[in-house]
């Protein structure tokens, strides 16, 4: 697998943030007299905000008070991250060390809004780690459209085919394929989505494996 730069997804790949989002959604739903199971939450992994909103309304019904739901879930999430922060995924710091040792350019490309990205990175202690960040605010269409990855490749100064995407969700893998980027799928929800696994160039368990893979592949390409 040939590549000259790395593009990271954020939620579920760099940050173990989706667990917190899902817990906040479930708490908000419970406060409103509803319930959300883990399977439904997992199905929204990597989805853009507009799709999440549509799916929630379809799930609960057209009379569901989505504004109250978001207010309650945001309150629950803020309380959670202010107390505990946001965990960084296992192997991230090792992977970053390998990438820096190899002098590979890298970028963060996410469906989240820039304000939310900056807040999450701050709660995770990663402010300043990514000098190149592409968000939902920077493109016309979110993942699974290829826009964020094409924009990231352009910012990095490489063709998309030379940018290795690291993704944890089927939505993100589909976007990488649409952008003609090679992709490693590190599923955050198990069992791994079979279609995404077939689409990706490689499926790995965690970022430790990604670090080892990148070291070997990059050195072989020299």
Foldseek 3Di string as FASTA:
>chain_A
DAAQAEEEEPDLAFWVCLVLLVVLLQVLQVVVVHGDDPVNSLVCVQPAPVVVLVSVCVVPHVPDPVVSSVVSSVVSSVVVLVVPFIETFPQPVVLLVLCVVVVGHYEYFGAADPVVVQVNCVSHVNPPVGPHYHYNVNFDDGFVAQTRLCVSCVVVPHQQCNYEYEEADLRVLSNSVNSNYAYEYQHSDPPDDPVSCVSHPYYDPGNNVVSVVCNVVVVVVD
